[in-house]
Amino acid sequence: MPETETKPVTSGTQCAHRTPCPAADAADRSAAVTLSRDCVTGWALLCNGVLHFDDTGELLPDGQIIAPAVRAAA
């Protein structure tokens, strides 16, 4: 499997999937379809423009930073 996967990006701002992806400001935004992923650096670009990181942090299209979720101590 290649370290970076890329799918074609559709033009426009609307999601072209049969079941539209959640908006970038929705609570379930990370459920959007992955357009591009880099497994080495740990990020994924989602259809809604969100940049999702493996540590669960996110960067929204408007520049807002969502901090990674805090994990409970084992």
C-alpha atoms as a PDB file:
ATOM      1  CA  MET A   1       0.000   0.000   0.000  1.00  0.00           C
ATOM      2  CA  PRO A   2       1.422   3.410  -0.880  1.00  0.00           C
ATOM      3  CA  GLU A   3       2.202   5.751   1.981  1.00  0.00           C
ATOM      4  CA  THR A   4       0.150   8.534   0.388  1.00  0.00           C
ATOM      5  CA  GLU A   5      -3.246   7.908  -1.173  1.00  0.00           C
ATOM      6  CA  THR A   6      -5.051  10.492  -3.283  1.00  0.00           C
ATOM      7  CA  LYS A   7      -8.545  10.511  -4.764  1.00  0.00           C
ATOM      8  CA  PRO A   8      -9.702  13.047  -7.365  1.00  0.00           C
ATOM      9  CA  VAL A   9     -11.154  16.243  -5.930  1.00  0.00           C
ATOM     10  CA  THR A  10     -14.438  17.420  -7.398  1.00  0.00           C
ATOM     11  CA  SER A  11     -14.810  21.074  -8.302  1.00  0.00           C
ATOM     12  CA  GLY A  12     -16.956  23.388  -6.212  1.00  0.00           C
ATOM     13  CA  THR A  13     -17.588  23.517  -2.513  1.00  0.00           C
ATOM     14  CA  GLN A  14     -20.488  21.050  -2.320  1.00  0.00           C
ATOM     15  CA  CYS A  15     -19.809  17.403  -1.552  1.00  0.00           C
ATOM     16  CA  ALA A  16     -20.658  15.291  -4.602  1.00  0.00           C
ATOM     17  CA  HIS A  17     -21.191  12.029  -2.678  1.00  0.00           C
ATOM     18  CA  ARG A  18     -24.556  10.271  -2.747  1.00  0.00           C
ATOM     19  CA  THR A  19     -24.847  10.734   1.024  1.00  0.00           C
ATOM     20  CA  PRO A  20     -23.369  14.216   1.579  1.00  0.00           C
ATOM     21  CA  CYS A  21     -20.440  14.477   3.977  1.00  0.00           C
ATOM     22  CA  PRO A  22     -20.951  16.368   7.242  1.00  0.00           C
ATOM     23  CA  ALA A  23     -20.033  20.053   7.150  1.00  0.00           C
ATOM     24  CA  ALA A  24     -16.702  21.192   8.576  1.00  0.00           C
ATOM     25  CA  ASP A  25     -18.469  22.808  11.544  1.00  0.00           C
ATOM     26  CA  ALA A  26     -20.620  19.744  12.345  1.00  0.00           C
ATOM     27  CA  ALA A  27     -19.920  17.611  15.405  1.00  0.00           C
ATOM     28  CA  ASP A  28     -19.384  14.532  13.184  1.00  0.00           C
ATOM     29  CA  ARG A  29     -17.075  16.363  10.711  1.00  0.00           C
ATOM     30  CA  SER A  30     -14.416  13.624  10.842  1.00  0.00           C
ATOM     31  CA  ALA A  31     -16.907  11.161   9.280  1.00  0.00           C
ATOM     32  CA  ALA A  32     -16.400  12.867   5.888  1.00  0.00           C
ATOM     33  CA  VAL A  33     -14.790  10.944   3.016  1.00  0.00           C
ATOM     34  CA  THR A  34     -10.977  11.008   2.925  1.00  0.00           C
ATOM     35  CA  LEU A  35      -9.629  12.649  -0.245  1.00  0.00           C
ATOM     36  CA  SER A  36      -5.928  12.382   0.536  1.00  0.00           C
ATOM     37  CA  ARG A  37      -3.893  10.739   3.289  1.00  0.00           C
ATOM     38  CA  ASP A  38      -0.239  10.700   4.316  1.00  0.00           C
ATOM     39  CA  CYS A  39       0.418   7.795   6.672  1.00  0.00           C
ATOM     40  CA  VAL A  40       4.012   8.870   7.337  1.00  0.00           C
ATOM     41  CA  THR A  41       3.171  12.312   8.712  1.00  0.00           C
ATOM     42  CA  GLY A  42      -0.250  11.257  10.039  1.00  0.00           C
ATOM     43  CA  TRP A  43      -2.826  13.487   8.378  1.00  0.00           C
ATOM     44  CA  ALA A  44      -5.878  13.116   6.160  1.00  0.00           C
ATOM     45  CA  LEU A  45      -7.665  15.747   4.042  1.00  0.00           C
ATOM     46  CA  LEU A  46     -11.404  15.196   4.236  1.00  0.00           C
ATOM     47  CA  CYS A  47     -14.054  16.060   1.643  1.00  0.00           C
ATOM     48  CA  ASN A  48     -15.374  18.895   3.823  1.00  0.00           C
ATOM     49  CA  GLY A  49     -11.958  20.602   3.868  1.00  0.00           C
ATOM     50  CA  VAL A  50     -10.974  19.442   7.365  1.00  0.00           C
ATOM     51  CA  LEU A  51      -7.375  18.366   7.877  1.00  0.00           C
ATOM     52  CA  HIS A  52      -7.588  15.481  10.365  1.00  0.00           C
ATOM     53  CA  PHE A  53      -4.480  14.327  12.262  1.00  0.00           C
ATOM     54  CA  ASP A  54      -3.831  10.837  13.641  1.00  0.00           C
ATOM     55  CA  ASP A  55      -3.648  12.256  17.191  1.00  0.00           C
ATOM     56  CA  THR A  56      -7.331  13.308  16.701  1.00  0.00           C
ATOM     57  CA  GLY A  57      -6.483  16.993  16.326  1.00  0.00           C
ATOM     58  CA  GLU A  58      -8.065  18.852  13.403  1.00  0.00           C
ATOM     59  CA  LEU A  59      -7.560  22.008  11.379  1.00  0.00           C
ATOM     60  CA  LEU A  60     -10.808  23.421   9.981  1.00  0.00           C
ATOM     61  CA  PRO A  61     -11.030  25.222   6.619  1.00  0.00           C
ATOM     62  CA  ASP A  62     -11.507  28.576   8.384  1.00  0.00           C
ATOM     63  CA  GLY A  63      -8.205  28.099  10.261  1.00  0.00           C
ATOM     64  CA  GLN A  64      -9.750  27.067  13.572  1.00  0.00           C
ATOM     65  CA  ILE A  65      -7.655  24.509  15.474  1.00  0.00           C
ATOM     66  CA  ILE A  66      -9.362  21.628  17.260  1.00  0.00           C
ATOM     67  CA  ALA A  67      -7.053  20.231  19.958  1.00  0.00           C
ATOM     68  CA  PRO A  68      -6.486  16.481  20.139  1.00  0.00           C
ATOM     69  CA  ALA A  69      -8.776  14.542  22.446  1.00  0.00           C
ATOM     70  CA  VAL A  70      -7.313  13.941  25.908  1.00  0.00           C
ATOM     71  CA  ARG A  71      -6.703  10.276  26.560  1.00  0.00           C
ATOM     72  CA  ALA A  72      -7.264   8.764  29.990  1.00  0.00           C
ATOM     73  CA  ALA A  73      -4.179   7.446  31.790  1.00  0.00           C
ATOM     74  CA  ALA A  74      -3.894   3.667  31.694  1.00  0.00           C
END
